[in-house]
Amino acid sequence: MRITLNDVKRKTAPPLDDAFAREVGDFESLDALKTVVRADLIEHAQRDADAEVRQKLIDDIIGANPFDVPKSWVQQMIKSYAEAYQVPEGERERFTTEFRNMAERQIRRDLVIETIAERESLAATEKDIDDRLSEQAEKRGVDPGQLYAQMEKSGRLKEIEHSITEEKVFKWLTERNEILTQD
């Protein structure tokens, strides 16, 4: 066997300089790009840490107050996700087996949040929803009324309401619990 090598190509990373920063985005300098990347990394780390604290709080509440989840609710959630992810019929049984624990956990989480929100009057109000939509509209540069209509049409207002309620519940929980951080 004979092989003739005609050309050798190597991928090289471009130099990290101001020209690179301008090429990848609307940055005047490499320092500006680094500042934005650093801020994004810090924000991402903060979101991850918050999610971890939230999950730990929920796990602790459920651990201290175990309860059964109706099988029909679990089946309905599994069915909804299977349809949303377009799981083929032949793979539904395997999907059900793999997803069952996650579905039960999500239902428990939702029930805990709903119960706390109800008991402590933390549910999102119309004003909360309007304020959130106004913030989003301002960020997007659109009319709040137009954004509200779009969200209503797409059925996403309930999602926003749930998100605000969840934020209120976790704020309430973190104010009443000692959160230990690992350094």
C-alpha atoms as a PDB file:
ATOM      1  CA  MET A   1       0.000   0.000   0.000  1.00  0.00           C
ATOM      2  CA  ARG A   2       1.341   3.395  -0.923  1.00  0.00           C
ATOM      3  CA  ILE A   3       0.063   6.692   0.303  1.00  0.00           C
ATOM      4  CA  THR A   4       0.984  10.015  -1.144  1.00  0.00           C
ATOM      5  CA  LEU A   5       0.581  12.933   1.181  1.00  0.00           C
ATOM      6  CA  ASN A   6      -0.256  16.005  -0.845  1.00  0.00           C
ATOM      7  CA  ASP A   7      -1.026  18.502   1.840  1.00  0.00           C
ATOM      8  CA  VAL A   8      -0.929  18.876   5.619  1.00  0.00           C
ATOM      9  CA  LYS A   9      -3.369  21.256   7.258  1.00  0.00           C
ATOM     10  CA  ARG A  10      -3.475  22.207  10.870  1.00  0.00           C
ATOM     11  CA  LYS A  11      -6.164  24.044  12.674  1.00  0.00           C
ATOM     12  CA  THR A  12      -4.812  26.867  14.704  1.00  0.00           C
ATOM     13  CA  ALA A  13      -6.650  29.089  17.100  1.00  0.00           C
ATOM     14  CA  PRO A  14      -6.710  32.720  16.062  1.00  0.00           C
ATOM     15  CA  PRO A  15      -4.708  35.106  18.200  1.00  0.00           C
ATOM     16  CA  LEU A  16      -6.670  36.571  21.072  1.00  0.00           C
ATOM     17  CA  ASP A  17      -6.487  40.228  20.207  1.00  0.00           C
ATOM     18  CA  ASP A  18      -8.737  43.200  19.506  1.00  0.00           C
ATOM     19  CA  ALA A  19      -9.315  42.039  15.908  1.00  0.00           C
ATOM     20  CA  PHE A  20     -10.599  38.691  17.198  1.00  0.00           C
ATOM     21  CA  ALA A  21     -12.937  40.493  19.630  1.00  0.00           C
ATOM     22  CA  ARG A  22     -14.388  42.604  16.816  1.00  0.00           C
ATOM     23  CA  GLU A  23     -14.800  39.494  14.653  1.00  0.00           C
ATOM     24  CA  VAL A  24     -16.810  37.496  17.235  1.00  0.00           C
ATOM     25  CA  GLY A  25     -19.123  40.327  18.222  1.00  0.00           C
ATOM     26  CA  ASP A  26     -19.686  43.971  18.718  1.00  0.00           C
ATOM     27  CA  PHE A  27     -16.656  44.484  20.965  1.00  0.00           C
ATOM     28  CA  GLU A  28     -14.152  47.294  20.699  1.00  0.00           C
ATOM     29  CA  SER A  29     -11.346  45.367  22.358  1.00  0.00           C
ATOM     30  CA  LEU A  30     -10.291  42.031  23.756  1.00  0.00           C
ATOM     31  CA  ASP A  31     -10.759  43.453  27.263  1.00  0.00           C
ATOM     32  CA  ALA A  32     -14.403  44.290  26.465  1.00  0.00           C
ATOM     33  CA  LEU A  33     -14.962  40.728  25.219  1.00  0.00           C
ATOM     34  CA  LYS A  34     -13.312  39.290  28.344  1.00  0.00           C
ATOM     35  CA  THR A  35     -15.490  41.479  30.561  1.00  0.00           C
ATOM     36  CA  VAL A  36     -18.690  40.230  28.894  1.00  0.00           C
ATOM     37  CA  VAL A  37     -17.554  36.582  28.970  1.00  0.00           C
ATOM     38  CA  ARG A  38     -16.583  36.879  32.640  1.00  0.00           C
ATOM     39  CA  ALA A  39     -19.953  38.455  33.499  1.00  0.00           C
ATOM     40  CA  ASP A  40     -21.772  35.668  31.616  1.00  0.00           C
ATOM     41  CA  LEU A  41     -19.776  33.000  33.462  1.00  0.00           C
ATOM     42  CA  ILE A  42     -20.504  34.602  36.837  1.00  0.00           C
ATOM     43  CA  GLU A  43     -24.212  34.887  36.003  1.00  0.00           C
ATOM     44  CA  HIS A  44     -24.315  31.252  34.864  1.00  0.00           C
ATOM     45  CA  ALA A  45     -22.538  30.094  38.032  1.00  0.00           C
ATOM     46  CA  GLN A  46     -24.990  32.093  40.165  1.00  0.00           C
ATOM     47  CA  ARG A  47     -27.989  30.528  38.376  1.00  0.00           C
ATOM     48  CA  ASP A  48     -26.504  27.055  38.898  1.00  0.00           C
ATOM     49  CA  ALA A  49     -25.876  27.753  42.585  1.00  0.00           C
ATOM     50  CA  ASP A  50     -29.415  29.105  43.032  1.00  0.00           C
ATOM     51  CA  ALA A  51     -30.879  26.040  41.304  1.00  0.00           C
ATOM     52  CA  GLU A  52     -28.843  23.778  43.580  1.00  0.00           C
ATOM     53  CA  VAL A  53     -30.057  25.606  46.701  1.00  0.00           C
ATOM     54  CA  ARG A  54     -33.650  25.457  45.487  1.00  0.00           C
ATOM     55  CA  GLN A  55     -33.422  21.737  44.803  1.00  0.00           C
ATOM     56  CA  LYS A  56     -31.850  21.116  48.211  1.00  0.00           C
ATOM     57  CA  LEU A  57     -34.622  23.073  49.942  1.00  0.00           C
ATOM     58  CA  ILE A  58     -37.303  21.079  48.112  1.00  0.00           C
ATOM     59  CA  ASP A  59     -35.524  17.777  48.818  1.00  0.00           C
ATOM     60  CA  ASP A  60     -35.321  18.661  52.512  1.00  0.00           C
ATOM     61  CA  ILE A  61     -39.014  19.581  52.668  1.00  0.00           C
ATOM     62  CA  ILE A  62     -40.036  16.381  50.902  1.00  0.00           C
ATOM     63  CA  GLY A  63     -37.669  14.334  53.073  1.00  0.00           C
ATOM     64  CA  ALA A  64     -39.253  15.781  56.221  1.00  0.00           C
ATOM     65  CA  ASN A  65     -42.782  15.426  54.821  1.00  0.00           C
ATOM     66  CA  PRO A  66     -42.921  12.367  52.547  1.00  0.00           C
ATOM     67  CA  PHE A  67     -46.073  11.831  50.522  1.00  0.00           C
ATOM     68  CA  ASP A  68     -47.279   9.619  47.696  1.00  0.00           C
ATOM     69  CA  VAL A  69     -47.915  10.973  44.237  1.00  0.00           C
ATOM     70  CA  PRO A  70     -51.039   9.805  42.374  1.00  0.00           C
ATOM     71  CA  LYS A  71     -50.013   7.293  39.695  1.00  0.00           C
ATOM     72  CA  SER A  72     -52.428   8.867  37.220  1.00  0.00           C
ATOM     73  CA  TRP A  73     -50.588  12.208  37.537  1.00  0.00           C
ATOM     74  CA  VAL A  74     -47.273  10.499  36.898  1.00  0.00           C
ATOM     75  CA  GLN A  75     -48.671   8.676  33.868  1.00  0.00           C
ATOM     76  CA  GLN A  76     -50.143  11.927  32.515  1.00  0.00           C
ATOM     77  CA  MET A  77     -46.824  13.750  32.892  1.00  0.00           C
ATOM     78  CA  ILE A  78     -44.926  10.919  31.217  1.00  0.00           C
ATOM     79  CA  LYS A  79     -47.449  10.871  28.379  1.00  0.00           C
ATOM     80  CA  SER A  80     -47.211  14.651  27.935  1.00  0.00           C
ATOM     81  CA  TYR A  81     -43.413  14.570  27.773  1.00  0.00           C
ATOM     82  CA  ALA A  82     -43.412  11.584  25.418  1.00  0.00           C
ATOM     83  CA  GLU A  83     -45.718  13.483  23.071  1.00  0.00           C
ATOM     84  CA  ALA A  84     -43.764  16.730  23.409  1.00  0.00           C
ATOM     85  CA  TYR A  85     -40.486  14.968  22.611  1.00  0.00           C
ATOM     86  CA  GLN A  86     -42.155  12.835  19.937  1.00  0.00           C
ATOM     87  CA  VAL A  87     -40.980   9.572  21.452  1.00  0.00           C
ATOM     88  CA  PRO A  88     -41.821   6.768  18.965  1.00  0.00           C
ATOM     89  CA  GLU A  89     -44.424   4.209  20.109  1.00  0.00           C
ATOM     90  CA  GLY A  90     -41.822   1.436  20.160  1.00  0.00           C
ATOM     91  CA  GLU A  91     -39.698   3.355  22.666  1.00  0.00           C
ATOM     92  CA  ARG A  92     -42.499   4.594  24.950  1.00  0.00           C
ATOM     93  CA  GLU A  93     -42.181   1.735  27.445  1.00  0.00           C
ATOM     94  CA  ARG A  94     -38.448   2.337  27.887  1.00  0.00           C
ATOM     95  CA  PHE A  95     -39.057   6.092  28.096  1.00  0.00           C
ATOM     96  CA  THR A  96     -41.725   5.514  30.769  1.00  0.00           C
ATOM     97  CA  THR A  97     -39.362   3.383  32.835  1.00  0.00           C
ATOM     98  CA  GLU A  98     -36.510   5.896  32.592  1.00  0.00           C
ATOM     99  CA  PHE A  99     -38.650   8.998  33.126  1.00  0.00           C
ATOM    100  CA  ARG A 100     -40.931   7.755  35.959  1.00  0.00           C
ATOM    101  CA  ASN A 101     -38.670   8.861  38.852  1.00  0.00           C
ATOM    102  CA  MET A 102     -38.107  12.258  37.280  1.00  0.00           C
ATOM    103  CA  ALA A 103     -41.854  12.726  36.743  1.00  0.00           C
ATOM    104  CA  GLU A 104     -42.603  11.795  40.369  1.00  0.00           C
ATOM    105  CA  ARG A 105     -39.939  14.200  41.585  1.00  0.00           C
ATOM    106  CA  GLN A 106     -41.284  17.033  39.421  1.00  0.00           C
ATOM    107  CA  ILE A 107     -44.838  16.468  40.647  1.00  0.00           C
ATOM    108  CA  ARG A 108     -43.692  16.459  44.279  1.00  0.00           C
ATOM    109  CA  ARG A 109     -41.732  19.658  43.648  1.00  0.00           C
ATOM    110  CA  ASP A 110     -44.738  21.345  42.037  1.00  0.00           C
ATOM    111  CA  LEU A 111     -47.050  20.265  44.863  1.00  0.00           C
ATOM    112  CA  VAL A 112     -44.678  21.578  47.540  1.00  0.00           C
ATOM    113  CA  ILE A 113     -44.359  24.922  45.747  1.00  0.00           C
ATOM    114  CA  GLU A 114     -48.125  25.192  45.210  1.00  0.00           C
ATOM    115  CA  THR A 115     -48.848  24.315  48.841  1.00  0.00           C
ATOM    116  CA  ILE A 116     -46.390  26.874  50.225  1.00  0.00           C
ATOM    117  CA  ALA A 117     -47.628  29.516  47.788  1.00  0.00           C
ATOM    118  CA  GLU A 118     -51.219  28.903  48.850  1.00  0.00           C
ATOM    119  CA  ARG A 119     -50.532  28.798  52.605  1.00  0.00           C
ATOM    120  CA  GLU A 120     -48.350  31.902  52.583  1.00  0.00           C
ATOM    121  CA  SER A 121     -50.300  33.870  49.933  1.00  0.00           C
ATOM    122  CA  LEU A 122     -47.322  33.962  47.576  1.00  0.00           C
ATOM    123  CA  ALA A 123     -49.107  33.327  44.285  1.00  0.00           C
ATOM    124  CA  ALA A 124     -48.314  35.679  41.416  1.00  0.00           C
ATOM    125  CA  THR A 125     -50.756  38.560  41.081  1.00  0.00           C
ATOM    126  CA  GLU A 126     -51.950  40.273  37.915  1.00  0.00           C
ATOM    127  CA  LYS A 127     -49.660  43.182  38.823  1.00  0.00           C
ATOM    128  CA  ASP A 128     -46.682  40.811  39.135  1.00  0.00           C
ATOM    129  CA  ILE A 129     -47.415  39.398  35.686  1.00  0.00           C
ATOM    130  CA  ASP A 130     -47.903  42.867  34.175  1.00  0.00           C
ATOM    131  CA  ASP A 131     -44.625  44.050  35.730  1.00  0.00           C
ATOM    132  CA  ARG A 132     -42.747  41.012  34.388  1.00  0.00           C
ATOM    133  CA  LEU A 133     -44.192  41.503  30.916  1.00  0.00           C
ATOM    134  CA  SER A 134     -43.310  45.208  31.016  1.00  0.00           C
ATOM    135  CA  GLU A 135     -39.697  44.326  31.905  1.00  0.00           C
ATOM    136  CA  GLN A 136     -39.500  41.786  29.086  1.00  0.00           C
ATOM    137  CA  ALA A 137     -41.110  44.192  26.623  1.00  0.00           C
ATOM    138  CA  GLU A 138     -38.607  46.891  27.526  1.00  0.00           C
ATOM    139  CA  LYS A 139     -35.677  44.486  27.044  1.00  0.00           C
ATOM    140  CA  ARG A 140     -37.039  43.406  23.657  1.00  0.00           C
ATOM    141  CA  GLY A 141     -38.011  46.897  22.590  1.00  0.00           C
ATOM    142  CA  VAL A 142     -41.663  46.010  21.987  1.00  0.00           C
ATOM    143  CA  ASP A 143     -44.978  47.315  23.248  1.00  0.00           C
ATOM    144  CA  PRO A 144     -46.074  45.616  26.525  1.00  0.00           C
ATOM    145  CA  GLY A 145     -49.625  45.196  25.227  1.00  0.00           C
ATOM    146  CA  GLN A 146     -48.318  43.476  22.109  1.00  0.00           C
ATOM    147  CA  LEU A 147     -46.138  41.149  24.184  1.00  0.00           C
ATOM    148  CA  TYR A 148     -49.089  40.355  26.481  1.00  0.00           C
ATOM    149  CA  ALA A 149     -51.210  39.462  23.454  1.00  0.00           C
ATOM    150  CA  GLN A 150     -48.454  37.221  22.063  1.00  0.00           C
ATOM    151  CA  MET A 151     -48.008  35.443  25.395  1.00  0.00           C
ATOM    152  CA  GLU A 152     -51.750  35.003  25.796  1.00  0.00           C
ATOM    153  CA  LYS A 153     -52.122  33.659  22.265  1.00  0.00           C
ATOM    154  CA  SER A 154     -49.278  31.164  22.734  1.00  0.00           C
ATOM    155  CA  GLY A 155     -50.603  30.086  26.149  1.00  0.00           C
ATOM    156  CA  ARG A 156     -47.437  31.202  27.948  1.00  0.00           C
ATOM    157  CA  LEU A 157     -49.041  33.483  30.552  1.00  0.00           C
ATOM    158  CA  LYS A 158     -49.513  30.495  32.864  1.00  0.00           C
ATOM    159  CA  GLU A 159     -45.796  29.769  32.503  1.00  0.00           C
ATOM    160  CA  ILE A 160     -44.930  33.313  33.574  1.00  0.00           C
ATOM    161  CA  GLU A 161     -47.375  33.135  36.477  1.00  0.00           C
ATOM    162  CA  HIS A 162     -45.834  29.844  37.622  1.00  0.00           C
ATOM    163  CA  SER A 163     -42.314  31.269  37.324  1.00  0.00           C
ATOM    164  CA  ILE A 164     -43.157  34.325  39.433  1.00  0.00           C
ATOM    165  CA  THR A 165     -44.911  32.209  42.071  1.00  0.00           C
ATOM    166  CA  GLU A 166     -41.918  29.883  42.226  1.00  0.00           C
ATOM    167  CA  GLU A 167     -39.547  32.831  42.662  1.00  0.00           C
ATOM    168  CA  LYS A 168     -41.691  34.180  45.508  1.00  0.00           C
ATOM    169  CA  VAL A 169     -41.787  30.783  47.231  1.00  0.00           C
ATOM    170  CA  PHE A 170     -38.017  30.325  47.026  1.00  0.00           C
ATOM    171  CA  LYS A 171     -37.419  33.871  48.234  1.00  0.00           C
ATOM    172  CA  TRP A 172     -39.716  33.133  51.187  1.00  0.00           C
ATOM    173  CA  LEU A 173     -37.921  29.836  51.875  1.00  0.00           C
ATOM    174  CA  THR A 174     -34.414  31.294  51.681  1.00  0.00           C
ATOM    175  CA  GLU A 175     -35.381  34.131  54.033  1.00  0.00           C
ATOM    176  CA  ARG A 176     -36.504  31.568  56.614  1.00  0.00           C
ATOM    177  CA  ASN A 177     -33.704  29.043  56.293  1.00  0.00           C
ATOM    178  CA  GLU A 178     -30.001  29.142  56.914  1.00  0.00           C
ATOM    179  CA  ILE A 179     -28.203  28.469  53.655  1.00  0.00           C
ATOM    180  CA  LEU A 180     -24.690  27.142  54.145  1.00  0.00           C
ATOM    181  CA  THR A 181     -22.279  27.560  51.263  1.00  0.00           C
ATOM    182  CA  GLN A 182     -19.212  25.512  50.539  1.00  0.00           C
ATOM    183  CA  ASP A 183     -16.078  27.471  49.732  1.00  0.00           C
END
